[in-house]
Amino acid sequence: MGGGLYLSIYVITPKLILLWVYGWSRVHQEHLRLLATPGHAPWPVSNGDLIAQGNQLLFAIGVPCWFALVFGLYPLLRLLLPRRRERDRD
């Protein structure tokens, strides 16, 4: 579960925040990325802009992404993994 939290907070959410703020075409054309995500300071973007409300966006987008990963992928992984045999349980 920790890997899903890391993936949603540090990989998926910053990309979604950039898409929310700048739009797909600008993020793609200018190769925008977040340079840092400090706790109580504006977040610098690679084009020199600052995102002021980054922490609220991180929570508002990151938690639903994490829930989607956990509740969407976990049952799928349980189906794909082989079942334990009765002999292996003893």
C-alpha atoms as a PDB file:
ATOM      1  CA  MET A   1       0.000   0.000   0.000  1.00  0.00           C
ATOM      2  CA  GLY A   2       2.921   2.349   0.615  1.00  0.00           C
ATOM      3  CA  GLY A   3       4.026   2.064  -2.999  1.00  0.00           C
ATOM      4  CA  GLY A   4       0.593   3.145  -4.181  1.00  0.00           C
ATOM      5  CA  LEU A   5       0.662   6.146  -1.857  1.00  0.00           C
ATOM      6  CA  TYR A   6       4.113   7.149  -3.116  1.00  0.00           C
ATOM      7  CA  LEU A   7       2.990   6.716  -6.725  1.00  0.00           C
ATOM      8  CA  SER A   8      -0.132   8.800  -6.253  1.00  0.00           C
ATOM      9  CA  ILE A   9       1.470  11.605  -4.215  1.00  0.00           C
ATOM     10  CA  TYR A  10       4.818  12.035  -5.947  1.00  0.00           C
ATOM     11  CA  VAL A  11       4.206  10.843  -9.516  1.00  0.00           C
ATOM     12  CA  ILE A  12       0.568  11.096 -10.586  1.00  0.00           C
ATOM     13  CA  THR A  13      -0.623  14.096  -8.570  1.00  0.00           C
ATOM     14  CA  PRO A  14       2.089  16.601  -9.645  1.00  0.00           C
ATOM     15  CA  LYS A  15       1.367  15.781 -13.290  1.00  0.00           C
ATOM     16  CA  LEU A  16      -2.369  16.201 -12.752  1.00  0.00           C
ATOM     17  CA  ILE A  17      -1.805  19.526 -10.964  1.00  0.00           C
ATOM     18  CA  LEU A  18       0.226  20.811 -13.903  1.00  0.00           C
ATOM     19  CA  LEU A  19      -2.496  19.659 -16.298  1.00  0.00           C
ATOM     20  CA  TRP A  20      -5.114  21.387 -14.145  1.00  0.00           C
ATOM     21  CA  VAL A  21      -3.211  24.676 -13.957  1.00  0.00           C
ATOM     22  CA  TYR A  22      -1.682  24.899 -17.457  1.00  0.00           C
ATOM     23  CA  GLY A  23      -3.617  22.496 -19.670  1.00  0.00           C
ATOM     24  CA  TRP A  24      -2.439  19.538 -21.732  1.00  0.00           C
ATOM     25  CA  SER A  25      -1.033  21.430 -24.728  1.00  0.00           C
ATOM     26  CA  ARG A  26       1.100  23.824 -22.705  1.00  0.00           C
ATOM     27  CA  VAL A  27       2.476  21.111 -20.404  1.00  0.00           C
ATOM     28  CA  HIS A  28       3.325  18.978 -23.430  1.00  0.00           C
ATOM     29  CA  GLN A  29       4.805  21.757 -25.585  1.00  0.00           C
ATOM     30  CA  GLU A  30       6.890  23.412 -22.865  1.00  0.00           C
ATOM     31  CA  HIS A  31       7.804  20.152 -21.063  1.00  0.00           C
ATOM     32  CA  LEU A  32       6.651  21.606 -17.747  1.00  0.00           C
ATOM     33  CA  ARG A  33       7.398  19.887 -14.469  1.00  0.00           C
ATOM     34  CA  LEU A  34       7.394  20.767 -10.803  1.00  0.00           C
ATOM     35  CA  LEU A  35      10.890  21.447  -9.503  1.00  0.00           C
ATOM     36  CA  ALA A  36      10.058  21.030  -5.817  1.00  0.00           C
ATOM     37  CA  THR A  37       7.041  20.601  -3.566  1.00  0.00           C
ATOM     38  CA  PRO A  38       7.958  22.411  -0.334  1.00  0.00           C
ATOM     39  CA  GLY A  39       5.490  22.185   2.523  1.00  0.00           C
ATOM     40  CA  HIS A  40       4.587  25.808   3.233  1.00  0.00           C
ATOM     41  CA  ALA A  41       5.944  27.665   0.223  1.00  0.00           C
ATOM     42  CA  PRO A  42       4.810  28.108  -3.373  1.00  0.00           C
ATOM     43  CA  TRP A  43       5.858  25.331  -5.732  1.00  0.00           C
ATOM     44  CA  PRO A  44       8.307  26.332  -8.485  1.00  0.00           C
ATOM     45  CA  VAL A  45       7.543  25.196 -12.033  1.00  0.00           C
ATOM     46  CA  SER A  46      10.225  24.675 -14.679  1.00  0.00           C
ATOM     47  CA  ASN A  47       9.073  27.782 -16.615  1.00  0.00           C
ATOM     48  CA  GLY A  48       9.670  30.078 -13.610  1.00  0.00           C
ATOM     49  CA  ASP A  49       6.074  30.309 -12.381  1.00  0.00           C
ATOM     50  CA  LEU A  50       5.010  29.528  -8.824  1.00  0.00           C
ATOM     51  CA  ILE A  51       1.934  27.528  -7.834  1.00  0.00           C
ATOM     52  CA  ALA A  52       0.704  29.093  -4.604  1.00  0.00           C
ATOM     53  CA  GLN A  53      -1.971  26.615  -3.446  1.00  0.00           C
ATOM     54  CA  GLY A  54      -0.054  23.427  -4.166  1.00  0.00           C
ATOM     55  CA  ASN A  55      -0.598  21.702  -0.830  1.00  0.00           C
ATOM     56  CA  GLN A  56      -4.389  21.925  -1.014  1.00  0.00           C
ATOM     57  CA  LEU A  57      -4.299  20.611  -4.578  1.00  0.00           C
ATOM     58  CA  LEU A  58      -1.929  17.831  -3.547  1.00  0.00           C
ATOM     59  CA  PHE A  59      -4.352  16.625  -0.897  1.00  0.00           C
ATOM     60  CA  ALA A  60      -7.499  17.134  -2.993  1.00  0.00           C
ATOM     61  CA  ILE A  61      -6.096  15.224  -5.977  1.00  0.00           C
ATOM     62  CA  GLY A  62      -3.661  12.827  -4.284  1.00  0.00           C
ATOM     63  CA  VAL A  63      -6.076  11.142  -1.895  1.00  0.00           C
ATOM     64  CA  PRO A  64      -8.664  10.228  -4.567  1.00  0.00           C
ATOM     65  CA  CYS A  65      -5.838   8.949  -6.797  1.00  0.00           C
ATOM     66  CA  TRP A  66      -4.573   6.791  -3.943  1.00  0.00           C
ATOM     67  CA  PHE A  67      -8.068   5.433  -3.250  1.00  0.00           C
ATOM     68  CA  ALA A  68      -8.491   4.626  -6.944  1.00  0.00           C
ATOM     69  CA  LEU A  69      -5.176   2.783  -6.973  1.00  0.00           C
ATOM     70  CA  VAL A  70      -5.901   0.831  -3.804  1.00  0.00           C
ATOM     71  CA  PHE A  71      -9.523  -0.074  -4.450  1.00  0.00           C
ATOM     72  CA  GLY A  72      -9.044  -0.529  -8.199  1.00  0.00           C
ATOM     73  CA  LEU A  73      -5.782  -2.418  -8.452  1.00  0.00           C
ATOM     74  CA  TYR A  74      -5.786  -4.453  -5.253  1.00  0.00           C
ATOM     75  CA  PRO A  75      -8.782  -6.647  -6.206  1.00  0.00           C
ATOM     76  CA  LEU A  76      -7.334  -7.054  -9.700  1.00  0.00           C
ATOM     77  CA  LEU A  77      -3.993  -8.184  -8.301  1.00  0.00           C
ATOM     78  CA  ARG A  78      -5.735 -10.624  -5.965  1.00  0.00           C
ATOM     79  CA  LEU A  79      -7.453 -12.172  -8.985  1.00  0.00           C
ATOM     80  CA  LEU A  80      -4.237 -12.431 -10.991  1.00  0.00           C
ATOM     81  CA  LEU A  81      -2.098 -13.973  -8.254  1.00  0.00           C
ATOM     82  CA  PRO A  82      -2.238 -17.755  -7.898  1.00  0.00           C
ATOM     83  CA  ARG A  83      -4.291 -19.107  -5.038  1.00  0.00           C
ATOM     84  CA  ARG A  84      -2.554 -20.854  -2.156  1.00  0.00           C
ATOM     85  CA  ARG A  85      -3.033 -24.583  -1.939  1.00  0.00           C
ATOM     86  CA  GLU A  86      -4.284 -26.321   1.180  1.00  0.00           C
ATOM     87  CA  ARG A  87      -0.875 -28.001   1.660  1.00  0.00           C
ATOM     88  CA  ASP A  88       0.916 -24.633   1.655  1.00  0.00           C
ATOM     89  CA  ARG A  89      -1.260 -23.249   4.449  1.00  0.00           C
ATOM     90  CA  ASP A  90      -0.157 -25.883   6.978  1.00  0.00           C
END
